[in-house]
N, C-alpha and C. Protein backbone atom coordinates (compact mmCIF):
# COMPACT_ATOMS: atom_id res chain seq x y z
N MET A 1 3.98 13.37 -40.18
CA MET A 1 4.76 12.60 -39.25
C MET A 1 4.36 12.91 -37.80
N LYS A 2 4.15 14.20 -37.51
CA LYS A 2 3.79 14.57 -36.15
C LYS A 2 2.41 14.05 -35.77
N ALA A 3 1.50 13.97 -36.73
CA ALA A 3 0.16 13.46 -36.46
C ALA A 3 0.24 12.00 -36.05
N ASP A 4 1.11 11.23 -36.70
CA ASP A 4 1.29 9.82 -36.33
C ASP A 4 1.84 9.69 -34.92
N ASP A 5 2.81 10.56 -34.59
CA ASP A 5 3.40 10.54 -33.25
C ASP A 5 2.35 10.89 -32.19
N ALA A 6 1.53 11.89 -32.49
CA ALA A 6 0.50 12.30 -31.53
C ALA A 6 -0.53 11.19 -31.35
N HIS A 7 -0.89 10.53 -32.46
CA HIS A 7 -1.85 9.43 -32.38
C HIS A 7 -1.26 8.27 -31.57
N ALA A 8 -0.01 7.93 -31.83
CA ALA A 8 0.64 6.85 -31.09
C ALA A 8 0.74 7.19 -29.60
N SER A 9 1.03 8.45 -29.32
CA SER A 9 1.12 8.89 -27.93
C SER A 9 -0.23 8.77 -27.22
N ARG A 10 -1.31 9.15 -27.91
CA ARG A 10 -2.65 9.01 -27.32
C ARG A 10 -2.99 7.55 -27.06
N GLU A 11 -2.63 6.69 -27.99
CA GLU A 11 -2.90 5.26 -27.82
C GLU A 11 -2.14 4.69 -26.63
N VAL A 12 -0.89 5.06 -26.51
CA VAL A 12 -0.08 4.60 -25.38
C VAL A 12 -0.69 5.10 -24.07
N ARG A 13 -1.13 6.35 -24.06
CA ARG A 13 -1.73 6.92 -22.87
C ARG A 13 -3.02 6.16 -22.50
N LYS A 14 -3.84 5.83 -23.51
CA LYS A 14 -5.08 5.08 -23.26
C LYS A 14 -4.78 3.71 -22.66
N VAL A 15 -3.81 3.03 -23.24
CA VAL A 15 -3.45 1.70 -22.75
C VAL A 15 -2.93 1.79 -21.32
N ALA A 16 -2.10 2.78 -21.04
CA ALA A 16 -1.56 2.95 -19.68
C ALA A 16 -2.67 3.26 -18.68
N GLU A 17 -3.60 4.13 -19.06
CA GLU A 17 -4.70 4.46 -18.15
C GLU A 17 -5.58 3.25 -17.88
N ARG A 18 -5.83 2.44 -18.91
CA ARG A 18 -6.63 1.23 -18.74
C ARG A 18 -5.92 0.24 -17.81
N ALA A 19 -4.61 0.10 -17.97
CA ALA A 19 -3.84 -0.79 -17.11
C ALA A 19 -3.86 -0.31 -15.67
N ILE A 20 -3.76 0.99 -15.47
CA ILE A 20 -3.79 1.55 -14.12
C ILE A 20 -5.15 1.30 -13.47
N ARG A 21 -6.23 1.49 -14.24
CA ARG A 21 -7.57 1.22 -13.69
C ARG A 21 -7.71 -0.24 -13.29
N ARG A 22 -7.24 -1.14 -14.14
CA ARG A 22 -7.34 -2.57 -13.84
C ARG A 22 -6.51 -2.93 -12.60
N LEU A 23 -5.33 -2.36 -12.50
CA LEU A 23 -4.51 -2.62 -11.31
C LEU A 23 -5.18 -2.09 -10.05
N ASN A 24 -5.84 -0.95 -10.15
CA ASN A 24 -6.56 -0.42 -8.99
C ASN A 24 -7.69 -1.35 -8.57
N VAL A 25 -8.41 -1.91 -9.54
CA VAL A 25 -9.48 -2.85 -9.22
C VAL A 25 -8.91 -4.09 -8.55
N ILE A 26 -7.82 -4.62 -9.10
CA ILE A 26 -7.19 -5.80 -8.51
C ILE A 26 -6.73 -5.50 -7.09
N GLU A 27 -6.21 -4.31 -6.87
CA GLU A 27 -5.75 -3.92 -5.54
C GLU A 27 -6.91 -3.94 -4.54
N TYR A 28 -8.07 -3.41 -4.94
CA TYR A 28 -9.23 -3.41 -4.04
C TYR A 28 -9.77 -4.82 -3.82
N VAL A 29 -9.73 -5.67 -4.83
CA VAL A 29 -10.17 -7.06 -4.67
C VAL A 29 -9.28 -7.78 -3.67
N ILE A 30 -7.97 -7.59 -3.80
CA ILE A 30 -7.04 -8.22 -2.87
C ILE A 30 -7.24 -7.69 -1.46
N LEU A 31 -7.45 -6.39 -1.32
CA LEU A 31 -7.70 -5.80 0.00
C LEU A 31 -8.98 -6.36 0.61
N GLY A 32 -10.04 -6.49 -0.20
CA GLY A 32 -11.29 -7.07 0.29
C GLY A 32 -11.12 -8.52 0.71
N ALA A 33 -10.38 -9.28 -0.08
CA ALA A 33 -10.14 -10.69 0.27
C ALA A 33 -9.34 -10.79 1.57
N ALA A 34 -8.38 -9.91 1.75
CA ALA A 34 -7.60 -9.91 2.99
C ALA A 34 -8.49 -9.58 4.19
N ALA A 35 -9.43 -8.64 4.00
CA ALA A 35 -10.34 -8.29 5.10
C ALA A 35 -11.25 -9.47 5.45
N VAL A 36 -11.76 -10.17 4.43
CA VAL A 36 -12.62 -11.34 4.69
C VAL A 36 -11.83 -12.43 5.39
N LEU A 37 -10.61 -12.68 4.94
CA LEU A 37 -9.78 -13.69 5.59
C LEU A 37 -9.45 -13.30 7.03
N ALA A 38 -9.23 -12.01 7.28
CA ALA A 38 -8.97 -11.57 8.65
C ALA A 38 -10.19 -11.78 9.53
N LEU A 39 -11.38 -11.53 8.99
CA LEU A 39 -12.61 -11.78 9.77
C LEU A 39 -12.77 -13.26 10.08
N LEU A 40 -12.50 -14.11 9.10
CA LEU A 40 -12.61 -15.55 9.34
C LEU A 40 -11.56 -16.03 10.35
N ALA A 41 -10.35 -15.56 10.22
CA ALA A 41 -9.30 -15.95 11.16
C ALA A 41 -9.61 -15.42 12.56
N GLY A 42 -10.16 -14.22 12.63
CA GLY A 42 -10.55 -13.67 13.93
C GLY A 42 -11.66 -14.49 14.57
N ALA A 43 -12.62 -14.95 13.74
CA ALA A 43 -13.69 -15.80 14.27
C ALA A 43 -13.13 -17.12 14.79
N LEU A 44 -12.20 -17.69 14.08
CA LEU A 44 -11.59 -18.94 14.53
C LEU A 44 -10.83 -18.73 15.84
N ALA A 45 -10.08 -17.65 15.91
CA ALA A 45 -9.35 -17.34 17.15
C ALA A 45 -10.33 -17.12 18.30
N ALA A 46 -11.43 -16.43 18.03
CA ALA A 46 -12.42 -16.17 19.08
C ALA A 46 -13.07 -17.48 19.54
N LEU A 47 -13.32 -18.38 18.61
CA LEU A 47 -13.88 -19.67 19.00
C LEU A 47 -12.92 -20.45 19.90
N LEU A 48 -11.66 -20.41 19.54
CA LEU A 48 -10.67 -21.12 20.36
C LEU A 48 -10.52 -20.47 21.74
N LEU A 49 -10.56 -19.15 21.78
CA LEU A 49 -10.40 -18.44 23.06
C LEU A 49 -11.68 -18.45 23.88
N GLN A 50 -12.80 -18.75 23.25
CA GLN A 50 -14.07 -18.84 23.98
C GLN A 50 -14.02 -19.99 24.99
N ALA A 51 -13.27 -21.02 24.68
CA ALA A 51 -13.13 -22.16 25.61
C ALA A 51 -12.42 -21.73 26.89
N MET A 52 -11.65 -20.64 26.82
CA MET A 52 -10.95 -20.13 28.00
C MET A 52 -11.81 -19.15 28.78
N GLY A 53 -13.04 -18.93 28.33
CA GLY A 53 -13.95 -18.05 29.05
C GLY A 53 -14.03 -16.63 28.51
N LEU A 54 -13.38 -16.32 27.43
CA LEU A 54 -13.45 -14.98 26.86
C LEU A 54 -14.73 -14.84 26.03
N PRO A 55 -15.35 -13.67 26.06
CA PRO A 55 -16.56 -13.47 25.25
C PRO A 55 -16.23 -13.48 23.75
N PHE A 56 -17.18 -14.01 22.96
CA PHE A 56 -16.90 -14.23 21.54
C PHE A 56 -16.77 -12.93 20.75
N ARG A 57 -17.78 -12.04 20.82
CA ARG A 57 -17.79 -10.86 19.94
C ARG A 57 -16.61 -9.91 20.16
N PRO A 58 -16.33 -9.50 21.40
CA PRO A 58 -15.16 -8.61 21.57
C PRO A 58 -13.84 -9.28 21.16
N THR A 59 -13.73 -10.56 21.46
CA THR A 59 -12.51 -11.28 21.07
C THR A 59 -12.40 -11.36 19.55
N TRP A 60 -13.53 -11.59 18.89
CA TRP A 60 -13.54 -11.66 17.43
C TRP A 60 -13.12 -10.32 16.83
N ALA A 61 -13.67 -9.23 17.38
CA ALA A 61 -13.34 -7.90 16.86
C ALA A 61 -11.86 -7.59 17.03
N VAL A 62 -11.35 -7.82 18.23
CA VAL A 62 -9.94 -7.50 18.50
C VAL A 62 -9.02 -8.39 17.67
N ALA A 63 -9.33 -9.67 17.60
CA ALA A 63 -8.48 -10.59 16.84
C ALA A 63 -8.52 -10.26 15.35
N SER A 64 -9.68 -9.93 14.82
CA SER A 64 -9.78 -9.61 13.40
C SER A 64 -8.99 -8.36 13.05
N VAL A 65 -9.11 -7.34 13.88
CA VAL A 65 -8.36 -6.10 13.64
C VAL A 65 -6.87 -6.36 13.75
N ALA A 66 -6.47 -7.14 14.75
CA ALA A 66 -5.05 -7.42 14.92
C ALA A 66 -4.51 -8.22 13.73
N ILE A 67 -5.27 -9.18 13.27
CA ILE A 67 -4.82 -10.01 12.15
C ILE A 67 -4.75 -9.19 10.86
N PHE A 68 -5.58 -8.18 10.72
CA PHE A 68 -5.57 -7.35 9.52
C PHE A 68 -4.55 -6.22 9.61
N VAL A 69 -4.45 -5.58 10.77
CA VAL A 69 -3.63 -4.37 10.91
C VAL A 69 -2.16 -4.67 11.12
N VAL A 70 -1.85 -5.67 11.91
CA VAL A 70 -0.44 -5.94 12.24
C VAL A 70 0.38 -6.27 10.98
N PRO A 71 -0.05 -7.20 10.12
CA PRO A 71 0.74 -7.42 8.90
C PRO A 71 0.81 -6.20 7.99
N ALA A 72 -0.27 -5.43 7.93
CA ALA A 72 -0.26 -4.21 7.11
C ALA A 72 0.76 -3.21 7.65
N ALA A 73 0.81 -3.07 8.96
CA ALA A 73 1.76 -2.15 9.57
C ALA A 73 3.20 -2.61 9.34
N VAL A 74 3.44 -3.90 9.43
CA VAL A 74 4.78 -4.43 9.19
C VAL A 74 5.19 -4.18 7.74
N ALA A 75 4.29 -4.43 6.80
CA ALA A 75 4.60 -4.19 5.39
C ALA A 75 4.86 -2.71 5.13
N TYR A 76 4.06 -1.84 5.74
CA TYR A 76 4.23 -0.40 5.56
C TYR A 76 5.59 0.05 6.11
N LEU A 77 5.92 -0.40 7.30
CA LEU A 77 7.20 0.00 7.90
C LEU A 77 8.38 -0.55 7.10
N ARG A 78 8.25 -1.77 6.57
CA ARG A 78 9.32 -2.33 5.75
C ARG A 78 9.51 -1.50 4.48
N GLU A 79 8.40 -1.08 3.88
CA GLU A 79 8.47 -0.27 2.66
C GLU A 79 9.11 1.09 2.95
N ARG A 80 8.75 1.69 4.07
CA ARG A 80 9.38 2.97 4.45
C ARG A 80 10.88 2.81 4.66
N LYS A 81 11.27 1.70 5.28
CA LYS A 81 12.69 1.46 5.51
C LYS A 81 13.44 1.33 4.18
N LEU A 82 12.86 0.62 3.23
CA LEU A 82 13.49 0.48 1.91
C LEU A 82 13.59 1.83 1.21
N GLU A 83 12.56 2.66 1.33
CA GLU A 83 12.61 4.00 0.74
C GLU A 83 13.75 4.82 1.32
N ARG A 84 13.91 4.74 2.65
CA ARG A 84 14.99 5.50 3.30
C ARG A 84 16.35 5.01 2.82
N GLN A 85 16.49 3.69 2.66
CA GLN A 85 17.77 3.14 2.22
C GLN A 85 18.10 3.56 0.80
N LYS A 86 17.08 3.73 -0.03
CA LYS A 86 17.30 4.15 -1.42
C LYS A 86 17.45 5.66 -1.54
N GLY A 87 17.24 6.38 -0.49
CA GLY A 87 17.34 7.83 -0.55
C GLY A 87 15.99 8.51 -0.48
N GLY A 88 14.94 7.76 -0.47
CA GLY A 88 13.60 8.31 -0.31
C GLY A 88 13.10 9.00 -1.56
N ARG A 89 11.83 9.32 -1.51
CA ARG A 89 11.20 10.07 -2.60
C ARG A 89 11.44 11.55 -2.38
N PRO A 90 11.55 12.32 -3.44
CA PRO A 90 11.68 13.76 -3.25
C PRO A 90 10.39 14.35 -2.71
N ARG A 91 10.53 15.35 -1.88
CA ARG A 91 9.34 16.01 -1.33
C ARG A 91 8.60 16.74 -2.43
N ALA A 92 7.30 16.89 -2.27
CA ALA A 92 6.49 17.56 -3.29
C ALA A 92 6.84 19.04 -3.39
N ASP A 93 7.24 19.65 -2.27
CA ASP A 93 7.55 21.08 -2.29
C ASP A 93 9.03 21.35 -2.57
N ALA A 94 9.82 20.31 -2.80
CA ALA A 94 11.25 20.50 -3.03
C ALA A 94 11.50 20.97 -4.46
N ASP A 95 12.56 21.74 -4.63
CA ASP A 95 12.96 22.17 -5.97
C ASP A 95 13.44 20.95 -6.74
N PRO A 96 13.16 20.89 -8.05
CA PRO A 96 13.60 19.74 -8.81
C PRO A 96 15.12 19.65 -8.92
N GLU A 97 15.80 20.79 -8.85
CA GLU A 97 17.26 20.80 -8.91
C GLU A 97 17.78 21.78 -7.86
N PRO A 98 18.92 21.47 -7.25
CA PRO A 98 19.49 22.43 -6.30
C PRO A 98 20.08 23.63 -7.02
N GLU A 99 20.25 24.70 -6.27
CA GLU A 99 20.88 25.88 -6.87
C GLU A 99 22.33 25.56 -7.19
N ARG A 100 22.89 26.33 -8.12
CA ARG A 100 24.29 26.09 -8.51
C ARG A 100 25.19 26.24 -7.30
N GLY A 101 26.10 25.28 -7.16
CA GLY A 101 27.06 25.36 -6.07
C GLY A 101 26.56 24.70 -4.79
N LYS A 102 25.29 24.32 -4.75
CA LYS A 102 24.78 23.67 -3.55
C LYS A 102 24.54 22.19 -3.84
N ALA A 103 24.77 21.37 -2.84
CA ALA A 103 24.58 19.94 -3.00
C ALA A 103 23.12 19.57 -2.77
N TRP A 104 22.72 18.39 -3.26
CA TRP A 104 21.38 17.87 -2.99
C TRP A 104 21.24 17.66 -1.49
N PRO A 105 20.07 17.95 -0.95
CA PRO A 105 19.86 17.67 0.49
C PRO A 105 19.85 16.17 0.71
N THR A 106 20.40 15.76 1.83
CA THR A 106 20.42 14.33 2.17
C THR A 106 19.57 14.10 3.41
N ARG A 107 19.02 12.91 3.50
CA ARG A 107 18.25 12.54 4.68
C ARG A 107 19.11 11.68 5.58
N ARG A 108 19.01 11.92 6.84
CA ARG A 108 19.76 11.13 7.80
C ARG A 108 18.79 10.24 8.55
N SER A 109 19.20 8.99 8.82
CA SER A 109 18.32 8.05 9.52
C SER A 109 18.38 8.26 11.00
């Protein structure tokens, strides 16, 4: 009976690891696509601003970085805010349980 459980556990672990690898690949594909789209949008913005006399390359670089970084920063800050509202993740160096008689530490915003 235990051999069957161990075999089933190994199979579940293999499937989970394969799913994690695939999700990581998808994550990098999406990140790459976002970078390409930011470069294209930056080029379009630079073309439009070139009519106002701004140089193309520096405008393209600044616009591309802004188009890529600003939404990423907003998403990151929103995620941090949600974590704080839920109580946050436990610190890596924190004890898994408080000592007897002591309450769990709380975070204040």
